[in-house]
Amino acid sequence: MGLFDRIKRAFTGGEVDTPEIALQEEKKLQLKAYDQGMEKTRQSFSSKINALMADFRAVDEEFFEDLEECFISADVGFDMTLAVTDAVRERVKLANARRPEEVKDVIVKTLVDIYEHQETAPEAMKMNPDGPSVFLFVGVNGVGKTTTIGKLARYYQNQGLSVILAAADTFRAGAIEQLEEWGRRANVPVVSGKAGGDPASVVFDALDRAEKEKIDIVLVDTAGRLQTKVNLMKELEKINRIIERKTKGPAQEVLLVLDATTGQNALIQAKQFQESVPITGMILTKLDGTAKGGVVLAVRQDMDIPVKFVGLGEKIEDLRVFDPEYYILGLIKDLL
């Protein structure tokens, strides 16, 4: 069964293709989280496509120009827009689609097929089998980086793993206190130093404690903004040297946190960070609070970096593993 058929089945019957009852219930909860969390994005995206089809006259060049405008305004991204529009153009011709419903069906199937071709399964976080696993978090101030760390701490706690937080963003006023508050909410220890102090020393102390207490995961908050890319690279290189010295290898993940509500600005940030930091994965926050969730499509089209988690609500449990199938399903539900 293809992705398009699985999507229709999930939203018409709520069935999940797995025999294990516990796993089936978890997938239903995941489906519900994406359905509710992507409501604003879905309404915005669907309304644009439905408005286009309501004014449908013919499959001509004007129609395809309007279709491109729909995708661009939904923050799907320029490259993804061209890929989808070109594919729709070809498929409409092959299928000899003429009626509005036929053309809309082609658009939906094209979106699904292109995304399925890009990525067919969530990409798991890399873990250190010898422990501890170290995850560095980078991103500009205001994207929800510290909040994401707190939520991820709870996520791993629920999996039965022990977690410690390292407050290595010593430059931003209030950053240490904010992480300590999330440590209290998630009931995990936080290692911190003085404001304006050496971030690498904080990481050293956190790793030292993790080693002594046999802690599974160390989540490291880093500065959201340094004066230049060179400063950012040097700071992260210093932190990584400490990690390699203490754990005999680099950090398992360097995670870029992006705010989905900023649309294409998030994509610009991702490209800028990729130039100076070895990003291994991305986390998109506030996907539930934006009509610009199409940026996920742009990120996957333009960058060879997987999306690992998405924020689908404000509660501490609302950080979810990114599932491409449930994402595209949540995006196009109202078009089926």
Protein backbone atom coordinates (compact mmCIF):
# COMPACT_ATOMS: atom_id res chain seq x y z
CA MET A 1 0.00 0.00 0.00
CA GLY A 2 1.45 3.37 -1.07
CA LEU A 3 1.70 6.46 1.14
CA PHE A 4 -1.28 8.16 -0.53
CA ASP A 5 -3.52 5.15 0.12
CA ARG A 6 -2.28 4.83 3.72
CA ILE A 7 -3.08 8.49 4.31
CA LYS A 8 -6.64 8.14 3.02
CA ARG A 9 -7.13 5.00 5.08
CA ALA A 10 -5.80 6.64 8.26
CA PHE A 11 -8.15 9.60 8.04
CA THR A 12 -11.22 7.75 6.81
CA GLY A 13 -11.02 4.73 9.10
CA GLY A 14 -8.33 5.58 11.62
CA GLU A 15 -6.66 2.22 11.04
CA VAL A 16 -2.94 1.69 11.48
CA ASP A 17 -0.98 -1.05 9.79
CA THR A 18 0.53 -2.76 12.82
CA PRO A 19 -0.62 -5.90 14.67
CA GLU A 20 0.75 -4.92 18.10
CA ILE A 21 -2.02 -3.32 20.17
CA ALA A 22 0.30 -1.08 22.22
CA LEU A 23 2.11 0.15 19.12
CA GLN A 24 -1.19 0.70 17.34
CA GLU A 25 -2.46 2.88 20.20
CA GLU A 26 0.78 4.91 20.20
CA LYS A 27 0.49 5.50 16.46
CA LYS A 28 -3.11 6.65 16.90
CA LEU A 29 -1.96 9.13 19.55
CA GLN A 30 0.80 10.31 17.20
CA LEU A 31 -1.72 10.72 14.39
CA LYS A 32 -4.00 12.75 16.65
CA ALA A 33 -1.09 14.98 17.76
CA TYR A 34 -0.17 15.79 14.14
CA ASP A 35 -3.81 16.26 13.17
CA GLN A 36 -4.43 18.79 15.94
CA GLY A 37 -0.98 20.39 15.92
CA MET A 38 -1.01 21.12 12.20
CA GLU A 39 -4.51 22.59 12.09
CA LYS A 40 -3.40 26.17 11.32
CA THR A 41 -0.93 25.05 8.66
CA ARG A 42 -3.47 22.72 7.08
CA GLN A 43 -6.24 25.33 7.00
CA SER A 44 -3.95 27.88 5.38
CA PHE A 45 -2.53 25.46 2.85
CA SER A 46 -5.86 23.86 1.95
CA SER A 47 -7.68 27.18 1.67
CA LYS A 48 -5.14 28.38 -0.91
CA ILE A 49 -5.49 25.24 -3.03
CA ASN A 50 -9.28 25.12 -2.67
CA ALA A 51 -9.59 28.81 -3.62
CA LEU A 52 -7.49 28.15 -6.70
CA MET A 53 -9.68 25.22 -7.69
CA ALA A 54 -12.88 27.23 -7.04
CA ASP A 55 -11.78 29.70 -9.73
CA PHE A 56 -10.59 26.91 -12.03
CA ARG A 57 -11.22 27.57 -15.72
CA ALA A 58 -8.68 25.52 -17.64
CA VAL A 59 -5.32 23.79 -17.33
CA ASP A 60 -3.29 26.53 -18.95
CA GLU A 61 -0.18 28.55 -18.17
CA GLU A 62 -2.14 31.00 -16.02
CA PHE A 63 -3.33 28.10 -13.86
CA PHE A 64 0.23 26.88 -13.26
CA GLU A 65 1.40 30.39 -12.42
CA ASP A 66 -1.39 30.65 -9.84
CA LEU A 67 -0.43 27.21 -8.49
CA GLU A 68 3.17 28.36 -8.05
CA GLU A 69 1.93 31.43 -6.19
CA CYS A 70 -0.11 29.18 -3.86
CA PHE A 71 2.92 27.12 -2.91
CA ILE A 72 5.22 30.13 -2.49
CA SER A 73 2.70 31.89 -0.21
CA ALA A 74 2.47 28.69 1.89
CA ASP A 75 6.25 28.86 2.45
CA VAL A 76 6.82 25.63 0.56
CA GLY A 77 9.98 27.20 -0.86
CA PHE A 78 11.10 28.12 -4.38
CA ASP A 79 12.85 24.86 -5.28
CA MET A 80 10.06 22.69 -3.90
CA THR A 81 7.48 24.85 -5.68
CA LEU A 82 9.19 24.34 -9.04
CA ALA A 83 9.55 20.59 -8.44
CA VAL A 84 5.88 20.15 -7.53
CA THR A 85 4.54 22.42 -10.29
CA ASP A 86 6.63 20.74 -12.99
CA ALA A 87 5.51 17.31 -11.79
CA VAL A 88 1.84 18.38 -11.71
CA ARG A 89 2.16 19.81 -15.21
CA GLU A 90 3.49 16.49 -16.53
CA ARG A 91 0.97 14.33 -14.66
CA VAL A 92 -2.03 16.41 -15.66
CA LYS A 93 -0.99 15.96 -19.27
CA LEU A 94 -0.45 12.19 -18.92
CA ALA A 95 -3.76 11.69 -17.08
CA ASN A 96 -5.61 14.05 -19.41
CA ALA A 97 -7.09 15.66 -16.29
CA ARG A 98 -9.57 18.42 -17.07
CA ARG A 99 -12.13 18.64 -14.27
CA PRO A 100 -11.23 20.53 -11.04
CA GLU A 101 -11.44 17.42 -8.83
CA GLU A 102 -9.20 15.49 -11.20
CA VAL A 103 -6.61 18.24 -11.21
CA LYS A 104 -6.73 18.61 -7.41
CA ASP A 105 -6.26 14.87 -7.04
CA VAL A 106 -3.15 15.10 -9.21
CA ILE A 107 -1.78 17.95 -7.05
CA VAL A 108 -2.29 15.99 -3.82
CA LYS A 109 -0.80 12.77 -5.18
CA THR A 110 2.19 14.69 -6.53
CA LEU A 111 2.90 16.27 -3.13
CA VAL A 112 2.68 12.87 -1.46
CA ASP A 113 4.86 11.12 -4.03
CA ILE A 114 7.57 13.80 -3.99
CA TYR A 115 7.75 13.77 -0.20
CA GLU A 116 7.66 9.97 -0.05
CA HIS A 117 10.59 9.89 -2.48
CA GLN A 118 12.55 12.29 -0.29
CA GLU A 119 12.14 10.51 3.02
CA THR A 120 10.08 7.44 3.83
CA ALA A 121 10.76 6.96 7.56
CA PRO A 122 11.74 9.01 10.59
CA GLU A 123 15.50 9.13 11.14
CA ALA A 124 16.46 8.01 14.64
CA MET A 125 18.77 9.97 16.89
CA LYS A 126 22.33 8.64 17.00
CA MET A 127 23.23 7.19 20.37
CA ASN A 128 26.52 6.33 22.05
CA PRO A 129 26.35 2.64 23.07
CA ASP A 130 29.16 3.21 25.58
CA GLY A 131 27.40 6.27 27.08
CA PRO A 132 26.75 9.02 27.66
CA SER A 133 25.12 10.24 24.42
CA VAL A 134 25.80 13.96 23.93
CA PHE A 135 23.47 16.27 21.99
CA LEU A 136 24.48 19.87 21.24
CA PHE A 137 21.74 22.41 20.53
CA VAL A 138 22.32 25.48 18.35
CA GLY A 139 20.00 28.19 17.02
CA VAL A 140 19.35 31.90 17.24
CA ASN A 141 17.79 33.41 20.33
CA GLY A 142 14.00 33.20 20.52
CA VAL A 143 13.42 30.01 18.52
CA GLY A 144 12.55 27.92 21.57
CA LYS A 145 15.92 26.19 21.95
CA THR A 146 15.95 26.02 25.76
CA THR A 147 12.28 25.02 25.89
CA THR A 148 13.00 22.25 23.38
CA ILE A 149 15.82 20.92 25.55
CA GLY A 150 13.47 20.72 28.54
CA LYS A 151 10.84 18.90 26.49
CA LEU A 152 13.40 16.49 25.06
CA ALA A 153 14.60 15.72 28.58
CA ARG A 154 11.06 14.64 29.48
CA TYR A 155 10.80 12.63 26.24
CA TYR A 156 13.87 10.56 27.12
CA GLN A 157 12.80 10.24 30.73
CA ASN A 158 9.59 8.64 29.51
CA GLN A 159 11.73 6.13 27.65
CA GLY A 160 13.42 5.16 30.90
CA LEU A 161 16.69 7.00 30.24
CA SER A 162 18.52 9.29 32.65
CA VAL A 163 19.26 12.85 31.49
CA ILE A 164 21.39 15.79 32.57
CA LEU A 165 21.33 19.34 31.17
CA ALA A 166 24.39 21.54 30.57
CA ALA A 167 23.76 25.31 30.66
CA ALA A 168 26.54 26.24 28.22
CA ASP A 169 24.72 29.34 26.92
CA THR A 170 26.51 31.59 29.40
CA PHE A 171 26.21 34.76 27.29
CA ARG A 172 22.46 35.41 27.07
CA ALA A 173 20.94 37.09 30.08
CA GLY A 174 18.61 34.70 31.88
CA ALA A 175 19.57 31.66 29.78
CA ILE A 176 21.00 29.73 32.73
CA GLU A 177 17.98 30.46 34.92
CA GLN A 178 15.62 29.46 32.11
CA LEU A 179 17.32 26.09 31.65
CA GLU A 180 17.35 25.52 35.41
CA GLU A 181 13.59 26.12 35.47
CA TRP A 182 13.09 23.53 32.73
CA GLY A 183 15.31 21.18 34.70
CA ARG A 184 12.92 21.55 37.63
CA ARG A 185 9.87 20.95 35.41
CA ALA A 186 11.39 17.85 33.86
CA ASN A 187 12.92 16.78 37.19
CA VAL A 188 16.44 16.43 35.76
CA PRO A 189 19.72 17.88 37.10
CA VAL A 190 21.26 20.97 35.51
CA VAL A 191 24.99 21.76 35.51
CA SER A 192 25.69 25.49 35.21
CA GLY A 193 28.41 28.06 35.81
CA LYS A 194 28.65 31.81 36.11
CA ALA A 195 26.99 34.14 33.62
CA GLY A 196 29.57 35.11 31.00
CA GLY A 197 31.79 32.20 32.02
CA ASP A 198 33.48 29.55 29.88
CA PRO A 199 30.87 27.33 28.20
CA ALA A 200 33.38 24.52 27.64
CA SER A 201 34.03 24.24 31.38
CA VAL A 202 30.29 23.80 31.97
CA VAL A 203 30.24 20.98 29.42
CA PHE A 204 33.28 19.39 31.09
CA ASP A 205 31.56 19.44 34.48
CA ALA A 206 28.34 18.01 33.02
CA LEU A 207 30.18 15.16 31.31
CA ASP A 208 32.18 14.49 34.45
CA ARG A 209 28.99 14.18 36.47
CA ALA A 210 27.32 12.06 33.76
CA GLU A 211 30.27 9.67 33.83
CA LYS A 212 30.29 9.35 37.62
CA GLU A 213 26.52 8.91 37.89
CA LYS A 214 26.16 6.68 34.80
CA ILE A 215 23.75 9.12 33.13
CA ASP A 216 22.56 8.12 29.65
CA ILE A 217 22.10 11.47 27.86
CA VAL A 218 23.66 14.93 28.15
CA LEU A 219 21.73 17.79 26.52
CA VAL A 220 23.92 20.86 25.95
CA ASP A 221 22.45 24.35 25.49
CA THR A 222 24.82 26.63 23.54
CA ALA A 223 24.93 30.34 22.74
CA GLY A 224 22.23 31.47 20.34
CA ARG A 225 24.27 34.34 19.01
CA LEU A 226 27.97 35.15 19.00
CA GLN A 227 29.49 38.11 17.22
CA THR A 228 30.70 36.24 14.13
CA LYS A 229 30.48 32.79 12.55
CA VAL A 230 34.17 32.38 13.37
CA ASN A 231 33.42 32.90 17.08
CA LEU A 232 30.57 30.41 16.89
CA MET A 233 32.77 27.79 15.23
CA LYS A 234 35.62 28.32 17.70
CA GLU A 235 33.30 28.02 20.67
CA LEU A 236 31.70 24.83 19.37
CA GLU A 237 35.10 23.40 18.41
CA LYS A 238 36.28 23.99 21.96
CA ILE A 239 33.17 22.30 23.35
CA ASN A 240 33.64 19.38 20.96
CA ARG A 241 37.27 18.95 22.04
CA ILE A 242 36.05 18.58 25.61
CA ILE A 243 33.43 16.06 24.50
CA GLU A 244 35.97 14.03 22.52
CA ARG A 245 38.39 14.05 25.42
CA LYS A 246 35.75 12.88 27.90
CA THR A 247 33.77 10.44 25.73
CA LYS A 248 36.39 9.34 23.16
CA GLY A 249 34.35 10.77 20.27
CA PRO A 250 32.37 13.80 19.02
CA ALA A 251 28.83 14.70 20.03
CA GLN A 252 26.32 12.19 18.70
CA GLU A 253 24.06 14.98 17.41
CA VAL A 254 24.40 18.70 16.66
CA LEU A 255 20.78 19.84 16.48
CA LEU A 256 19.67 23.11 14.90
CA VAL A 257 16.45 24.46 16.44
CA LEU A 258 14.26 26.51 14.08
CA ASP A 259 11.03 28.43 14.64
CA ALA A 260 8.46 27.23 12.09
CA THR A 261 6.42 30.43 12.47
CA THR A 262 9.20 32.37 10.71
CA GLY A 263 8.63 30.49 7.45
CA GLN A 264 11.38 31.07 4.90
CA ASN A 265 13.50 32.89 7.50
CA ALA A 266 13.90 29.51 9.19
CA LEU A 267 15.30 28.10 5.97
CA ILE A 268 17.71 31.05 5.66
CA GLN A 269 18.89 30.45 9.25
CA ALA A 270 19.42 26.76 8.50
CA LYS A 271 21.63 27.55 5.53
CA GLN A 272 23.64 30.10 7.52
CA PHE A 273 24.27 27.70 10.40
CA GLN A 274 25.12 24.89 7.99
CA GLU A 275 27.97 27.05 6.65
CA SER A 276 29.63 27.24 10.06
CA VAL A 277 28.40 24.27 12.12
CA PRO A 278 28.31 20.52 11.29
CA ILE A 279 24.53 20.15 11.71
CA THR A 280 23.29 16.54 11.97
CA GLY A 281 19.59 17.20 12.47
CA MET A 282 16.92 19.86 12.87
CA ILE A 283 14.07 20.47 15.29
CA LEU A 284 11.18 22.70 14.19
CA THR A 285 9.34 24.38 17.05
CA LYS A 286 5.89 25.99 17.16
CA LEU A 287 4.55 24.04 14.19
CA ASP A 288 1.16 24.16 15.91
CA GLY A 289 1.15 27.96 16.01
CA THR A 290 1.81 28.78 12.38
CA ALA A 291 0.21 28.80 8.96
CA LYS A 292 3.73 28.49 7.50
CA GLY A 293 4.30 24.81 8.21
CA GLY A 294 5.00 24.24 4.53
CA VAL A 295 8.56 25.27 5.41
CA VAL A 296 9.17 21.62 6.39
CA LEU A 297 8.82 20.75 2.70
CA ALA A 298 11.30 23.48 1.81
CA VAL A 299 13.80 22.28 4.42
CA ARG A 300 13.71 18.72 3.10
CA GLN A 301 13.94 19.84 -0.53
CA ASP A 302 16.79 22.34 -0.09
CA MET A 303 18.94 20.76 2.59
CA ASP A 304 20.40 17.30 3.14
CA ILE A 305 19.67 17.41 6.89
CA PRO A 306 16.90 15.35 8.50
CA VAL A 307 14.18 16.85 10.68
CA LYS A 308 14.34 14.89 13.96
CA PHE A 309 11.59 16.44 16.14
CA VAL A 310 8.74 18.93 15.79
CA GLY A 311 6.91 21.01 18.39
CA LEU A 312 3.15 20.42 18.16
CA GLY A 313 2.00 22.24 21.30
CA GLU A 314 3.05 24.11 24.43
CA LYS A 315 2.92 21.24 26.93
CA ILE A 316 6.10 19.49 27.97
CA GLU A 317 4.89 16.29 26.23
CA ASP A 318 4.18 18.06 22.92
CA LEU A 319 7.63 17.60 21.36
CA ARG A 320 7.16 14.74 18.89
CA VAL A 321 9.47 12.60 16.81
CA PHE A 322 9.15 13.89 13.26
CA ASP A 323 7.21 11.45 11.13
CA PRO A 324 7.16 12.37 7.42
CA GLU A 325 4.04 10.32 6.78
CA TYR A 326 2.00 11.96 9.55
CA TYR A 327 3.33 15.38 8.56
CA ILE A 328 2.23 15.17 4.93
CA LEU A 329 -0.99 13.52 6.12
CA GLY A 330 -1.67 16.45 8.46
CA LEU A 331 -0.91 18.90 5.67
CA ILE A 332 -3.30 17.58 3.01
CA LYS A 333 -6.14 16.08 5.07
CA ASP A 334 -8.64 18.78 4.05
CA LEU A 335 -7.87 18.23 0.37
CA LEU A 336 -8.83 14.55 0.35
